Each structure stands twice: as C-alpha cells, then as structure tokens.
C-alpha cells in the first residue's frame, strides 16, 4: 500500500529573525526563549551555529509557558 505524498505534512522550520518579526520583538529575546529547557524539543541545529525552530511546536510551547 503506497503512502499518499500529499497527505504528509512538511514541517516548517523558521529562523529567530522570522519569529521576531512575526511577534514584533527582538531577535535577542527569541534567542533567550530558545535557551529555555522547554524549547529544546522544538529546535533543530543546522551546521555548527545556526538554529531553527519548528514553528508549530514553538507556538505550542510558548502558549504553555506564557498562559
């Protein structure tokens, strides 16, 4: 049985700059949020320094933290 390619969802990873623009805050504030223990499951490391976040997980965790 073949898996329908269209039924799979691709994860959207975003940079700190994109999140900062969306939330109207600074990139330093986003990086501070990234350093929290709860956020580690939403982050993915790209290369040696670059970090990106799974957008949906980021907002889920953010909602739980700042409820």
C-alpha atoms as a PDB file:
ATOM      1  CA  UNK A   1       0.000   0.000   0.000  1.00  0.00           C
ATOM      2  CA  UNK A   2       1.509   3.299  -1.085  1.00  0.00           C
ATOM      3  CA  UNK A   3       1.554   6.392   1.085  1.00  0.00           C
ATOM      4  CA  UNK A   4      -0.108   9.405  -0.413  1.00  0.00           C
ATOM      5  CA  UNK A   5       2.581  12.067  -0.689  1.00  0.00           C
ATOM      6  CA  UNK A   6       0.039  14.871  -0.467  1.00  0.00           C
ATOM      7  CA  UNK A   7      -1.320  13.598   2.850  1.00  0.00           C
ATOM      8  CA  UNK A   8       2.051  14.033   4.575  1.00  0.00           C
ATOM      9  CA  UNK A   9       2.784  17.365   6.140  1.00  0.00           C
ATOM     10  CA  UNK A  10       6.147  19.038   5.808  1.00  0.00           C
ATOM     11  CA  UNK A  11       7.499  20.633   8.969  1.00  0.00           C
ATOM     12  CA  UNK A  12       8.039  24.374   8.717  1.00  0.00           C
ATOM     13  CA  UNK A  13      11.305  25.461  10.330  1.00  0.00           C
ATOM     14  CA  UNK A  14      11.859  29.182  10.851  1.00  0.00           C
ATOM     15  CA  UNK A  15      14.772  31.338  11.957  1.00  0.00           C
ATOM     16  CA  UNK A  16      14.850  33.557  15.023  1.00  0.00           C
ATOM     17  CA  UNK A  17      14.661  36.635  12.800  1.00  0.00           C
ATOM     18  CA  UNK A  18      11.424  35.451  11.168  1.00  0.00           C
ATOM     19  CA  UNK A  19       9.882  34.711  14.571  1.00  0.00           C
ATOM     20  CA  UNK A  20      10.979  38.094  15.907  1.00  0.00           C
ATOM     21  CA  UNK A  21       9.303  39.900  13.012  1.00  0.00           C
ATOM     22  CA  UNK A  22       6.126  37.874  13.491  1.00  0.00           C
ATOM     23  CA  UNK A  23       5.977  38.534  17.237  1.00  0.00           C
ATOM     24  CA  UNK A  24       7.173  42.167  16.997  1.00  0.00           C
ATOM     25  CA  UNK A  25      10.135  41.622  19.299  1.00  0.00           C
ATOM     26  CA  UNK A  26      13.922  41.466  19.035  1.00  0.00           C
ATOM     27  CA  UNK A  27      15.949  38.503  17.877  1.00  0.00           C
ATOM     28  CA  UNK A  28      17.804  38.524  21.215  1.00  0.00           C
ATOM     29  CA  UNK A  29      14.510  37.938  23.026  1.00  0.00           C
ATOM     30  CA  UNK A  30      13.779  34.983  20.712  1.00  0.00           C
ATOM     31  CA  UNK A  31      17.235  33.516  21.416  1.00  0.00           C
ATOM     32  CA  UNK A  32      16.558  33.854  25.159  1.00  0.00           C
ATOM     33  CA  UNK A  33      13.343  31.891  24.653  1.00  0.00           C
ATOM     34  CA  UNK A  34      15.275  29.303  22.588  1.00  0.00           C
ATOM     35  CA  UNK A  35      17.646  28.737  25.544  1.00  0.00           C
ATOM     36  CA  UNK A  36      14.812  27.673  27.846  1.00  0.00           C
ATOM     37  CA  UNK A  37      14.761  23.977  28.719  1.00  0.00           C
ATOM     38  CA  UNK A  38      11.199  23.531  27.407  1.00  0.00           C
ATOM     39  CA  UNK A  39      12.119  24.823  23.941  1.00  0.00           C
ATOM     40  CA  UNK A  40      14.811  22.233  23.238  1.00  0.00           C
ATOM     41  CA  UNK A  41      12.337  19.818  21.632  1.00  0.00           C
ATOM     42  CA  UNK A  42      11.229  22.476  19.111  1.00  0.00           C
ATOM     43  CA  UNK A  43      14.760  23.383  17.971  1.00  0.00           C
ATOM     44  CA  UNK A  44      16.908  21.887  15.256  1.00  0.00           C
ATOM     45  CA  UNK A  45      20.560  22.670  14.735  1.00  0.00           C
ATOM     46  CA  UNK A  46      21.784  23.450  11.229  1.00  0.00           C
ATOM     47  CA  UNK A  47      25.535  23.382  10.813  1.00  0.00           C
ATOM     48  CA  UNK A  48      27.661  24.466  13.765  1.00  0.00           C
ATOM     49  CA  UNK A  49      25.933  27.689  14.793  1.00  0.00           C
ATOM     50  CA  UNK A  50      22.594  28.070  13.036  1.00  0.00           C
ATOM     51  CA  UNK A  51      19.434  27.169  14.933  1.00  0.00           C
ATOM     52  CA  UNK A  52      15.904  26.928  13.617  1.00  0.00           C
ATOM     53  CA  UNK A  53      12.636  26.165  15.331  1.00  0.00           C
ATOM     54  CA  UNK A  54       9.656  24.036  14.357  1.00  0.00           C
ATOM     55  CA  UNK A  55       7.057  26.778  14.062  1.00  0.00           C
ATOM     56  CA  UNK A  56       4.060  24.806  15.359  1.00  0.00           C
ATOM     57  CA  UNK A  57       5.901  23.298  18.334  1.00  0.00           C
ATOM     58  CA  UNK A  58       7.398  26.683  19.159  1.00  0.00           C
ATOM     59  CA  UNK A  59       3.955  28.280  19.429  1.00  0.00           C
ATOM     60  CA  UNK A  60       2.537  25.317  21.390  1.00  0.00           C
ATOM     61  CA  UNK A  61       5.306  25.528  23.986  1.00  0.00           C
ATOM     62  CA  UNK A  62       5.168  29.337  24.065  1.00  0.00           C
ATOM     63  CA  UNK A  63       1.459  29.173  24.783  1.00  0.00           C
ATOM     64  CA  UNK A  64       2.038  26.759  27.675  1.00  0.00           C
ATOM     65  CA  UNK A  65       4.803  28.920  29.150  1.00  0.00           C
ATOM     66  CA  UNK A  66       3.015  32.280  28.923  1.00  0.00           C
ATOM     67  CA  UNK A  67      -0.536  31.180  29.587  1.00  0.00           C
END
